[in-house]
Amino acid sequence: MRHFVCFILLLPALMWPLSASSDEAAADAAVETSAVGGTIDQLFDDLKRETNEVAAQRIARRIEREWTMEGGDTAELLLQWAQKAAGDEKFHVALDLLDQAVTLYPDYVEGWNSRALVHLMMDDYDRAMSDLSRALSVEPRHFGAMSGLAGILRRTGYEDEALKVYRRMLDVYPMKRAAQRALISIMDARTGDRL
């Protein structure tokens, strides 16, 4: 179960399509064009307004790339090494690398988010939540950190808190299907409890 949860959380950040259909390529080009000369704030505005799921995913990936590059070359290299170590289940090596990243670059949101994911892989919810909270203090719109936080809250029985996080996440990224489904699932469970 632990690996399944971690796989779900890591998948959007680590997996890139090997090839794209013509529709997906066109959506990518549109996102890249809108981002040229734009800021991450503009990308978030685009993400909030986008009603096409595929186009929204492209914008979200562009935002994730921006976050990854924000720390500079050294931070990005530490992150890549940590992801490789975590993929090889060398969690303590990954944590050492990510500790260096967040020490050297305390405002590097992907350092905090990635360290939280490694803690999740080790079933250390307390440290994961601490790192996710730090990531969200650096970037309150970090939909990946919100997803991880909501998942932990749900898994540990804090449905009300998870519901608030999912709502906040959907305010940032309305087309995020996983968050929509989670919100519906929680609401359906509540309705069923009342019947």
N, C-alpha and C. Protein backbone atom coordinates (compact mmCIF):
# COMPACT_ATOMS: atom_id res chain seq x y z
N MET A 1 0.83 -1.20 0.00
CA MET A 1 0.00 0.00 0.00
C MET A 1 0.87 1.26 0.00
N ARG A 2 1.97 1.22 0.78
CA ARG A 2 2.85 2.36 0.89
C ARG A 2 3.39 2.76 -0.48
N HIS A 3 3.84 1.77 -1.24
CA HIS A 3 4.40 2.08 -2.54
C HIS A 3 3.33 2.59 -3.51
N PHE A 4 2.10 2.11 -3.39
CA PHE A 4 1.02 2.58 -4.25
C PHE A 4 0.74 4.05 -4.01
N VAL A 5 0.63 4.46 -2.73
CA VAL A 5 0.37 5.85 -2.39
C VAL A 5 1.51 6.73 -2.91
N CYS A 6 2.74 6.31 -2.69
CA CYS A 6 3.89 7.09 -3.14
C CYS A 6 3.94 7.17 -4.67
N PHE A 7 3.59 6.07 -5.32
CA PHE A 7 3.57 6.07 -6.78
C PHE A 7 2.58 7.10 -7.29
N ILE A 8 1.39 7.14 -6.71
CA ILE A 8 0.36 8.10 -7.12
C ILE A 8 0.86 9.53 -6.90
N LEU A 9 1.52 9.78 -5.78
CA LEU A 9 1.99 11.13 -5.48
C LEU A 9 3.16 11.54 -6.37
N LEU A 10 4.05 10.60 -6.69
CA LEU A 10 5.23 10.92 -7.47
C LEU A 10 4.98 10.94 -8.97
N LEU A 11 3.96 10.25 -9.43
CA LEU A 11 3.73 10.09 -10.86
C LEU A 11 3.70 11.41 -11.63
N PRO A 12 2.91 12.41 -11.21
CA PRO A 12 2.88 13.64 -12.01
C PRO A 12 4.22 14.35 -12.06
N ALA A 13 4.98 14.28 -10.99
CA ALA A 13 6.24 15.00 -10.95
C ALA A 13 7.36 14.30 -11.71
N LEU A 14 7.29 12.96 -11.79
CA LEU A 14 8.42 12.22 -12.34
C LEU A 14 8.18 11.65 -13.73
N MET A 15 6.94 11.52 -14.15
CA MET A 15 6.66 10.87 -15.43
C MET A 15 6.33 11.91 -16.49
N TRP A 16 6.99 11.82 -17.63
CA TRP A 16 6.73 12.69 -18.76
C TRP A 16 6.37 11.82 -19.93
N PRO A 17 5.41 12.22 -20.74
CA PRO A 17 5.05 11.40 -21.89
C PRO A 17 6.23 11.29 -22.84
N LEU A 18 6.45 10.07 -23.37
CA LEU A 18 7.54 9.86 -24.30
C LEU A 18 7.23 10.44 -25.66
N SER A 19 5.97 10.41 -26.05
CA SER A 19 5.57 11.03 -27.31
C SER A 19 4.18 11.61 -27.11
N ALA A 20 3.86 12.59 -27.91
CA ALA A 20 2.57 13.25 -27.75
C ALA A 20 1.79 13.15 -29.05
N SER A 21 0.47 13.08 -28.90
CA SER A 21 -0.39 13.11 -30.07
C SER A 21 -0.37 14.52 -30.65
N SER A 22 -0.94 14.69 -31.83
CA SER A 22 -0.94 16.03 -32.44
C SER A 22 -1.75 17.01 -31.59
N ASP A 23 -2.86 16.55 -30.97
CA ASP A 23 -3.64 17.43 -30.09
C ASP A 23 -2.82 17.85 -28.88
N GLU A 24 -2.11 16.88 -28.29
CA GLU A 24 -1.29 17.19 -27.13
C GLU A 24 -0.14 18.11 -27.51
N ALA A 25 0.46 17.88 -28.67
CA ALA A 25 1.55 18.74 -29.13
C ALA A 25 1.05 20.17 -29.34
N ALA A 26 -0.14 20.30 -29.90
CA ALA A 26 -0.72 21.63 -30.11
C ALA A 26 -0.99 22.32 -28.77
N ALA A 27 -1.50 21.54 -27.80
CA ALA A 27 -1.75 22.11 -26.47
C ALA A 27 -0.45 22.55 -25.82
N ASP A 28 0.62 21.72 -25.96
CA ASP A 28 1.93 22.09 -25.44
C ASP A 28 2.41 23.40 -26.06
N ALA A 29 2.28 23.49 -27.37
CA ALA A 29 2.74 24.69 -28.08
C ALA A 29 1.98 25.92 -27.59
N ALA A 30 0.67 25.77 -27.39
CA ALA A 30 -0.14 26.89 -26.91
C ALA A 30 0.30 27.34 -25.53
N VAL A 31 0.59 26.37 -24.65
CA VAL A 31 1.04 26.71 -23.30
C VAL A 31 2.39 27.39 -23.35
N GLU A 32 3.31 26.84 -24.15
CA GLU A 32 4.64 27.43 -24.27
C GLU A 32 4.54 28.85 -24.81
N THR A 33 3.67 29.07 -25.80
CA THR A 33 3.51 30.39 -26.39
C THR A 33 2.96 31.37 -25.36
N SER A 34 1.97 30.93 -24.58
CA SER A 34 1.38 31.84 -23.59
C SER A 34 2.35 32.14 -22.46
N ALA A 35 3.32 31.22 -22.23
CA ALA A 35 4.25 31.42 -21.13
C ALA A 35 5.44 32.26 -21.52
N VAL A 36 5.70 32.42 -22.83
CA VAL A 36 6.84 33.20 -23.26
C VAL A 36 6.67 34.63 -22.77
N GLY A 37 7.66 35.08 -22.04
CA GLY A 37 7.60 36.44 -21.51
C GLY A 37 6.65 36.56 -20.33
N GLY A 38 5.96 35.50 -19.99
CA GLY A 38 5.03 35.53 -18.88
C GLY A 38 5.70 35.14 -17.58
N THR A 39 4.95 35.26 -16.53
CA THR A 39 5.46 34.90 -15.22
C THR A 39 4.72 33.67 -14.73
N ILE A 40 5.19 33.14 -13.63
CA ILE A 40 4.49 32.01 -13.04
C ILE A 40 3.08 32.43 -12.61
N ASP A 41 2.93 33.69 -12.24
CA ASP A 41 1.59 34.19 -11.89
C ASP A 41 0.65 34.11 -13.10
N GLN A 42 1.18 34.42 -14.28
CA GLN A 42 0.38 34.31 -15.50
C GLN A 42 0.01 32.86 -15.77
N LEU A 43 0.95 31.94 -15.54
CA LEU A 43 0.66 30.52 -15.71
C LEU A 43 -0.46 30.08 -14.77
N PHE A 44 -0.42 30.56 -13.53
CA PHE A 44 -1.48 30.22 -12.58
C PHE A 44 -2.82 30.81 -13.01
N ASP A 45 -2.81 32.02 -13.55
CA ASP A 45 -4.05 32.61 -14.08
C ASP A 45 -4.60 31.74 -15.21
N ASP A 46 -3.68 31.31 -16.10
CA ASP A 46 -4.10 30.45 -17.22
C ASP A 46 -4.65 29.12 -16.70
N LEU A 47 -3.99 28.55 -15.69
CA LEU A 47 -4.43 27.27 -15.12
C LEU A 47 -5.82 27.39 -14.51
N LYS A 48 -6.07 28.49 -13.86
CA LYS A 48 -7.37 28.69 -13.21
C LYS A 48 -8.50 28.85 -14.23
N ARG A 49 -8.20 29.47 -15.36
CA ARG A 49 -9.22 29.72 -16.38
C ARG A 49 -9.41 28.55 -17.35
N GLU A 50 -8.41 27.67 -17.45
CA GLU A 50 -8.44 26.61 -18.46
C GLU A 50 -9.55 25.59 -18.16
N THR A 51 -10.37 25.30 -19.18
CA THR A 51 -11.46 24.33 -19.03
C THR A 51 -11.19 23.03 -19.76
N ASN A 52 -10.10 22.95 -20.48
CA ASN A 52 -9.71 21.73 -21.18
C ASN A 52 -8.71 20.99 -20.29
N GLU A 53 -9.04 19.74 -19.94
CA GLU A 53 -8.20 18.99 -19.01
C GLU A 53 -6.77 18.81 -19.51
N VAL A 54 -6.61 18.46 -20.79
CA VAL A 54 -5.27 18.23 -21.36
C VAL A 54 -4.46 19.52 -21.34
N ALA A 55 -5.07 20.61 -21.74
CA ALA A 55 -4.37 21.90 -21.74
C ALA A 55 -4.00 22.31 -20.30
N ALA A 56 -4.89 22.05 -19.35
CA ALA A 56 -4.60 22.35 -17.95
C ALA A 56 -3.42 21.53 -17.44
N GLN A 57 -3.34 20.26 -17.85
CA GLN A 57 -2.21 19.42 -17.46
C GLN A 57 -0.90 19.98 -18.01
N ARG A 58 -0.95 20.48 -19.22
CA ARG A 58 0.25 21.07 -19.83
C ARG A 58 0.69 22.31 -19.05
N ILE A 59 -0.25 23.14 -18.67
CA ILE A 59 0.08 24.33 -17.89
C ILE A 59 0.66 23.91 -16.54
N ALA A 60 0.04 22.92 -15.91
CA ALA A 60 0.53 22.44 -14.61
C ALA A 60 1.96 21.92 -14.73
N ARG A 61 2.26 21.20 -15.80
CA ARG A 61 3.63 20.69 -15.99
C ARG A 61 4.61 21.84 -16.20
N ARG A 62 4.17 22.87 -16.88
CA ARG A 62 5.03 24.05 -17.09
C ARG A 62 5.32 24.72 -15.75
N ILE A 63 4.31 24.83 -14.91
CA ILE A 63 4.51 25.39 -13.57
C ILE A 63 5.48 24.53 -12.78
N GLU A 64 5.31 23.21 -12.85
CA GLU A 64 6.22 22.30 -12.13
C GLU A 64 7.66 22.45 -12.63
N ARG A 65 7.84 22.63 -13.94
CA ARG A 65 9.20 22.85 -14.47
C ARG A 65 9.78 24.15 -13.95
N GLU A 66 8.94 25.18 -13.87
CA GLU A 66 9.40 26.47 -13.34
C GLU A 66 9.85 26.31 -11.89
N TRP A 67 9.05 25.60 -11.09
CA TRP A 67 9.43 25.37 -9.69
C TRP A 67 10.75 24.62 -9.59
N THR A 68 10.91 23.62 -10.44
CA THR A 68 12.14 22.82 -10.41
C THR A 68 13.36 23.66 -10.73
N MET A 69 13.21 24.58 -11.67
CA MET A 69 14.35 25.40 -12.11
C MET A 69 14.61 26.60 -11.19
N GLU A 70 13.68 26.92 -10.30
CA GLU A 70 13.81 28.12 -9.46
C GLU A 70 15.04 28.13 -8.57
N GLY A 71 15.50 26.96 -8.15
CA GLY A 71 16.64 26.92 -7.24
C GLY A 71 17.98 27.09 -7.90
N GLY A 72 18.03 26.98 -9.22
CA GLY A 72 19.29 27.07 -9.93
C GLY A 72 19.84 25.68 -10.25
N ASP A 73 20.96 25.66 -10.93
CA ASP A 73 21.53 24.40 -11.41
C ASP A 73 21.90 23.44 -10.30
N THR A 74 22.50 23.93 -9.23
CA THR A 74 22.92 23.05 -8.14
C THR A 74 21.71 22.43 -7.45
N ALA A 75 20.71 23.24 -7.16
CA ALA A 75 19.51 22.71 -6.51
C ALA A 75 18.82 21.68 -7.40
N GLU A 76 18.76 21.97 -8.69
CA GLU A 76 18.12 21.04 -9.63
C GLU A 76 18.89 19.72 -9.71
N LEU A 77 20.21 19.80 -9.67
CA LEU A 77 21.03 18.59 -9.70
C LEU A 77 20.83 17.76 -8.43
N LEU A 78 20.81 18.42 -7.28
CA LEU A 78 20.54 17.71 -6.02
C LEU A 78 19.19 17.02 -6.07
N LEU A 79 18.20 17.71 -6.62
CA LEU A 79 16.86 17.15 -6.75
C LEU A 79 16.86 15.92 -7.66
N GLN A 80 17.55 16.00 -8.79
CA GLN A 80 17.63 14.85 -9.71
C GLN A 80 18.30 13.66 -9.05
N TRP A 81 19.40 13.90 -8.35
CA TRP A 81 20.09 12.81 -7.65
C TRP A 81 19.19 12.19 -6.58
N ALA A 82 18.47 13.05 -5.87
CA ALA A 82 17.57 12.56 -4.82
C ALA A 82 16.44 11.71 -5.41
N GLN A 83 15.89 12.16 -6.54
CA GLN A 83 14.82 11.39 -7.19
C GLN A 83 15.34 10.03 -7.63
N LYS A 84 16.56 9.99 -8.14
CA LYS A 84 17.17 8.72 -8.55
C LYS A 84 17.37 7.82 -7.34
N ALA A 85 17.90 8.37 -6.26
CA ALA A 85 18.11 7.58 -5.04
C ALA A 85 16.79 7.06 -4.48
N ALA A 86 15.76 7.90 -4.47
CA ALA A 86 14.44 7.47 -3.98
C ALA A 86 13.87 6.38 -4.87
N GLY A 87 14.06 6.52 -6.18
CA GLY A 87 13.60 5.49 -7.12
C GLY A 87 14.28 4.15 -6.89
N ASP A 88 15.54 4.20 -6.41
CA ASP A 88 16.29 2.99 -6.09
C ASP A 88 16.07 2.55 -4.65
N GLU A 89 15.12 3.20 -3.97
CA GLU A 89 14.78 2.94 -2.56
C GLU A 89 15.95 3.16 -1.62
N LYS A 90 16.81 4.09 -1.98
CA LYS A 90 17.90 4.53 -1.10
C LYS A 90 17.43 5.82 -0.44
N PHE A 91 16.47 5.66 0.45
CA PHE A 91 15.77 6.81 1.00
C PHE A 91 16.67 7.72 1.83
N HIS A 92 17.60 7.13 2.59
CA HIS A 92 18.47 7.97 3.42
C HIS A 92 19.42 8.80 2.57
N VAL A 93 19.87 8.25 1.45
CA VAL A 93 20.69 9.02 0.51
C VAL A 93 19.87 10.17 -0.06
N ALA A 94 18.64 9.86 -0.47
CA ALA A 94 17.76 10.90 -1.00
C ALA A 94 17.53 12.01 0.03
N LEU A 95 17.29 11.62 1.27
CA LEU A 95 17.07 12.63 2.31
C LEU A 95 18.32 13.47 2.54
N ASP A 96 19.50 12.85 2.52
CA ASP A 96 20.73 13.63 2.68
C ASP A 96 20.86 14.68 1.59
N LEU A 97 20.57 14.28 0.35
CA LEU A 97 20.66 15.22 -0.77
C LEU A 97 19.63 16.35 -0.64
N LEU A 98 18.43 15.98 -0.25
CA LEU A 98 17.37 16.99 -0.11
C LEU A 98 17.59 17.88 1.10
N ASP A 99 18.20 17.33 2.16
CA ASP A 99 18.58 18.17 3.30
C ASP A 99 19.54 19.26 2.84
N GLN A 100 20.50 18.87 1.99
CA GLN A 100 21.44 19.86 1.46
C GLN A 100 20.71 20.91 0.62
N ALA A 101 19.78 20.46 -0.19
CA ALA A 101 19.04 21.38 -1.06
C ALA A 101 18.27 22.42 -0.24
N VAL A 102 17.55 21.97 0.78
CA VAL A 102 16.74 22.93 1.55
C VAL A 102 17.59 23.77 2.49
N THR A 103 18.77 23.27 2.87
CA THR A 103 19.67 24.08 3.69
C THR A 103 20.30 25.18 2.85
N LEU A 104 20.77 24.82 1.67
CA LEU A 104 21.40 25.80 0.78
C LEU A 104 20.39 26.77 0.17
N TYR A 105 19.18 26.26 -0.10
CA TYR A 105 18.15 27.04 -0.81
C TYR A 105 16.82 26.92 -0.04
N PRO A 106 16.69 27.62 1.09
CA PRO A 106 15.50 27.45 1.94
C PRO A 106 14.18 27.87 1.28
N ASP A 107 14.24 28.64 0.19
CA ASP A 107 13.02 29.02 -0.52
C ASP A 107 12.79 28.19 -1.77
N TYR A 108 13.51 27.09 -1.90
CA TYR A 108 13.37 26.19 -3.05
C TYR A 108 12.22 25.23 -2.77
N VAL A 109 11.05 25.58 -3.27
CA VAL A 109 9.82 24.86 -2.94
C VAL A 109 9.90 23.38 -3.33
N GLU A 110 10.55 23.07 -4.45
CA GLU A 110 10.63 21.66 -4.86
C GLU A 110 11.54 20.85 -3.96
N GLY A 111 12.48 21.49 -3.29
CA GLY A 111 13.30 20.78 -2.30
C GLY A 111 12.44 20.29 -1.15
N TRP A 112 11.59 21.18 -0.65
CA TRP A 112 10.69 20.81 0.46
C TRP A 112 9.66 19.77 0.02
N ASN A 113 9.07 19.99 -1.15
CA ASN A 113 8.05 19.06 -1.63
C ASN A 113 8.65 17.67 -1.87
N SER A 114 9.83 17.62 -2.48
CA SER A 114 10.46 16.33 -2.76
C SER A 114 10.88 15.63 -1.47
N ARG A 115 11.36 16.40 -0.51
CA ARG A 115 11.72 15.77 0.77
C ARG A 115 10.48 15.19 1.45
N ALA A 116 9.36 15.89 1.33
CA ALA A 116 8.10 15.38 1.89
C ALA A 116 7.73 14.05 1.23
N LEU A 117 7.91 13.95 -0.09
CA LEU A 117 7.58 12.72 -0.80
C LEU A 117 8.45 11.55 -0.34
N VAL A 118 9.71 11.82 -0.07
CA VAL A 118 10.59 10.75 0.44
C VAL A 118 10.13 10.33 1.83
N HIS A 119 9.77 11.30 2.67
CA HIS A 119 9.23 10.94 3.99
C HIS A 119 7.97 10.09 3.86
N LEU A 120 7.12 10.43 2.88
CA LEU A 120 5.93 9.62 2.64
C LEU A 120 6.30 8.20 2.24
N MET A 121 7.31 8.06 1.42
CA MET A 121 7.76 6.73 1.00
C MET A 121 8.25 5.92 2.19
N MET A 122 8.70 6.62 3.22
CA MET A 122 9.19 5.96 4.43
C MET A 122 8.09 5.87 5.51
N ASP A 123 6.86 6.22 5.14
CA ASP A 123 5.72 6.21 6.06
C ASP A 123 5.90 7.13 7.26
N ASP A 124 6.63 8.20 7.09
CA ASP A 124 6.85 9.18 8.15
C ASP A 124 5.95 10.38 7.87
N TYR A 125 4.69 10.26 8.28
CA TYR A 125 3.70 11.29 7.99
C TYR A 125 4.00 12.62 8.69
N ASP A 126 4.52 12.55 9.91
CA ASP A 126 4.79 13.79 10.65
C ASP A 126 5.80 14.67 9.91
N ARG A 127 6.91 14.07 9.50
CA ARG A 127 7.93 14.84 8.78
C ARG A 127 7.43 15.26 7.40
N ALA A 128 6.67 14.38 6.77
CA ALA A 128 6.10 14.73 5.46
C ALA A 128 5.20 15.95 5.58
N MET A 129 4.33 15.94 6.59
CA MET A 129 3.42 17.08 6.78
C MET A 129 4.18 18.36 7.10
N SER A 130 5.25 18.24 7.87
CA SER A 130 6.07 19.41 8.20
C SER A 130 6.68 20.00 6.92
N ASP A 131 7.23 19.14 6.06
CA ASP A 131 7.84 19.62 4.82
C ASP A 131 6.79 20.16 3.85
N LEU A 132 5.63 19.52 3.80
CA LEU A 132 4.56 20.02 2.93
C LEU A 132 4.08 21.40 3.40
N SER A 133 4.00 21.56 4.71
CA SER A 133 3.61 22.87 5.26
C SER A 133 4.64 23.93 4.89
N ARG A 134 5.91 23.55 4.95
CA ARG A 134 6.97 24.50 4.58
C ARG A 134 6.87 24.85 3.09
N ALA A 135 6.64 23.82 2.26
CA ALA A 135 6.49 24.07 0.82
C ALA A 135 5.34 25.04 0.58
N LEU A 136 4.24 24.85 1.28
CA LEU A 136 3.07 25.72 1.10
C LEU A 136 3.29 27.11 1.69
N SER A 137 4.19 27.24 2.64
CA SER A 137 4.50 28.59 3.15
C SER A 137 5.36 29.34 2.12
N VAL A 138 6.18 28.61 1.37
CA VAL A 138 6.99 29.22 0.31
C VAL A 138 6.11 29.54 -0.91
N GLU A 139 5.26 28.57 -1.29
CA GLU A 139 4.38 28.73 -2.46
C GLU A 139 2.98 28.21 -2.10
N PRO A 140 2.09 29.09 -1.63
CA PRO A 140 0.76 28.66 -1.18
C PRO A 140 -0.09 28.00 -2.28
N ARG A 141 0.29 28.19 -3.54
CA ARG A 141 -0.48 27.60 -4.64
C ARG A 141 0.08 26.25 -5.10
N HIS A 142 1.01 25.69 -4.36
CA HIS A 142 1.67 24.45 -4.78
C HIS A 142 0.67 23.30 -4.73
N PHE A 143 0.07 23.00 -5.88
CA PHE A 143 -0.97 21.98 -5.93
C PHE A 143 -0.44 20.58 -5.62
N GLY A 144 0.82 20.31 -5.89
CA GLY A 144 1.41 19.01 -5.53
C GLY A 144 1.50 18.84 -4.02
N ALA A 145 1.94 19.89 -3.34
CA ALA A 145 2.02 19.84 -1.87
C ALA A 145 0.63 19.73 -1.26
N MET A 146 -0.34 20.45 -1.85
CA MET A 146 -1.72 20.34 -1.35
C MET A 146 -2.25 18.93 -1.52
N SER A 147 -1.95 18.31 -2.65
CA SER A 147 -2.39 16.95 -2.91
C SER A 147 -1.81 15.99 -1.88
N GLY A 148 -0.51 16.12 -1.61
CA GLY A 148 0.13 15.26 -0.62
C GLY A 148 -0.45 15.47 0.77
N LEU A 149 -0.65 16.73 1.14
CA LEU A 149 -1.21 17.06 2.46
C LEU A 149 -2.63 16.51 2.60
N ALA A 150 -3.46 16.71 1.59
CA ALA A 150 -4.83 16.20 1.64
C ALA A 150 -4.84 14.68 1.72
N GLY A 151 -3.95 14.03 0.98
CA GLY A 151 -3.87 12.57 1.02
C GLY A 151 -3.52 12.05 2.41
N ILE A 152 -2.55 12.70 3.06
CA ILE A 152 -2.17 12.30 4.42
C ILE A 152 -3.34 12.52 5.37
N LEU A 153 -3.98 13.68 5.27
CA LEU A 153 -5.11 13.99 6.16
C LEU A 153 -6.22 12.96 6.00
N ARG A 154 -6.50 12.60 4.77
CA ARG A 154 -7.54 11.60 4.51
C ARG A 154 -7.15 10.25 5.08
N ARG A 155 -5.93 9.86 4.83
CA ARG A 155 -5.46 8.54 5.28
C ARG A 155 -5.44 8.44 6.80
N THR A 156 -5.22 9.55 7.48
CA THR A 156 -5.15 9.53 8.93
C THR A 156 -6.47 9.91 9.60
N GLY A 157 -7.54 9.99 8.80
CA GLY A 157 -8.87 10.17 9.37
C GLY A 157 -9.32 11.61 9.56
N TYR A 158 -8.62 12.57 8.99
CA TYR A 158 -9.00 13.98 9.13
C TYR A 158 -9.70 14.44 7.86
N GLU A 159 -10.87 13.90 7.63
CA GLU A 159 -11.63 14.18 6.41
C GLU A 159 -12.01 15.66 6.27
N ASP A 160 -12.41 16.29 7.36
CA ASP A 160 -12.80 17.71 7.28
C ASP A 160 -11.65 18.58 6.81
N GLU A 161 -10.47 18.33 7.37
CA GLU A 161 -9.29 19.10 6.98
C GLU A 161 -8.90 18.79 5.53
N ALA A 162 -8.99 17.51 5.16
CA ALA A 162 -8.68 17.11 3.77
C ALA A 162 -9.63 17.81 2.80
N LEU A 163 -10.89 17.89 3.16
CA LEU A 163 -11.89 18.54 2.32
C LEU A 163 -11.52 20.00 2.07
N LYS A 164 -11.08 20.70 3.11
CA LYS A 164 -10.66 22.10 2.96
C LYS A 164 -9.47 22.22 2.02
N VAL A 165 -8.51 21.31 2.14
CA VAL A 165 -7.32 21.37 1.29
C VAL A 165 -7.70 21.08 -0.16
N TYR A 166 -8.56 20.07 -0.39
CA TYR A 166 -8.99 19.77 -1.75
C TYR A 166 -9.73 20.97 -2.37
N ARG A 167 -10.56 21.65 -1.58
CA ARG A 167 -11.26 22.83 -2.10
C ARG A 167 -10.27 23.93 -2.48
N ARG A 168 -9.28 24.14 -1.61
CA ARG A 168 -8.26 25.14 -1.90
C ARG A 168 -7.47 24.76 -3.16
N MET A 169 -7.18 23.48 -3.29
CA MET A 169 -6.45 23.00 -4.46
C MET A 169 -7.25 23.23 -5.73
N LEU A 170 -8.55 22.95 -5.69
CA LEU A 170 -9.39 23.15 -6.87
C LEU A 170 -9.58 24.63 -7.19
N ASP A 171 -9.41 25.49 -6.22
CA ASP A 171 -9.44 26.93 -6.50
C ASP A 171 -8.22 27.33 -7.33
N VAL A 172 -7.09 26.66 -7.08
CA VAL A 172 -5.85 26.93 -7.82
C VAL A 172 -5.84 26.20 -9.16
N TYR A 173 -6.30 24.93 -9.15
CA TYR A 173 -6.19 24.04 -10.32
C TYR A 173 -7.55 23.35 -10.51
N PRO A 174 -8.55 24.08 -11.03
CA PRO A 174 -9.92 23.56 -11.12
C PRO A 174 -10.07 22.27 -11.93
N MET A 175 -9.21 22.01 -12.89
CA MET A 175 -9.36 20.83 -13.75
C MET A 175 -8.60 19.61 -13.23
N LYS A 176 -8.12 19.64 -12.00
CA LYS A 176 -7.39 18.51 -11.42
C LYS A 176 -8.39 17.41 -11.07
N ARG A 177 -8.47 16.41 -11.93
CA ARG A 177 -9.48 15.35 -11.78
C ARG A 177 -9.34 14.57 -10.48
N ALA A 178 -8.12 14.27 -10.06
CA ALA A 178 -7.93 13.50 -8.83
C ALA A 178 -8.52 14.24 -7.63
N ALA A 179 -8.34 15.55 -7.59
CA ALA A 179 -8.90 16.35 -6.49
C ALA A 179 -10.41 16.42 -6.59
N GLN A 180 -10.95 16.52 -7.82
CA GLN A 180 -12.40 16.52 -8.00
C GLN A 180 -13.00 15.21 -7.49
N ARG A 181 -12.36 14.09 -7.87
CA ARG A 181 -12.87 12.78 -7.44
C ARG A 181 -12.78 12.62 -5.93
N ALA A 182 -11.70 13.07 -5.34
CA ALA A 182 -11.54 12.96 -3.88
C ALA A 182 -12.61 13.79 -3.17
N LEU A 183 -12.85 14.98 -3.66
CA LEU A 183 -13.87 15.85 -3.06
C LEU A 183 -15.25 15.20 -3.15
N ILE A 184 -15.57 14.66 -4.31
CA ILE A 184 -16.86 13.98 -4.50
C ILE A 184 -16.97 12.78 -3.58
N SER A 185 -15.89 12.01 -3.46
CA SER A 185 -15.88 10.83 -2.61
C SER A 185 -16.15 11.18 -1.14
N ILE A 186 -15.50 12.24 -0.67
CA ILE A 186 -15.71 12.67 0.72
C ILE A 186 -17.15 13.15 0.90
N MET A 187 -17.65 13.93 -0.04
CA MET A 187 -19.01 14.45 0.06
C MET A 187 -20.04 13.31 -0.01
N ASP A 188 -19.82 12.34 -0.90
CA ASP A 188 -20.73 11.19 -1.00
C ASP A 188 -20.74 10.39 0.28
N ALA A 189 -19.58 10.20 0.90
CA ALA A 189 -19.51 9.47 2.15
C ALA A 189 -20.29 10.18 3.25
N ARG A 190 -20.20 11.50 3.25
CA ARG A 190 -20.95 12.28 4.24
C ARG A 190 -22.45 12.17 4.02
N THR A 191 -22.86 12.22 2.76
CA THR A 191 -24.28 12.10 2.44
C THR A 191 -24.79 10.71 2.84
N GLY A 192 -23.99 9.69 2.56
CA GLY A 192 -24.36 8.32 2.93
C GLY A 192 -24.47 8.13 4.42
N ASP A 193 -23.60 8.84 5.19
CA ASP A 193 -23.66 8.73 6.65
C ASP A 193 -24.94 9.33 7.21
N ARG A 194 -25.48 10.33 6.49
CA ARG A 194 -26.68 11.01 6.99
C ARG A 194 -27.96 10.24 6.68
N LEU A 195 -27.89 9.35 5.69
CA LEU A 195 -29.10 8.61 5.30
C LEU A 195 -29.43 7.49 6.25
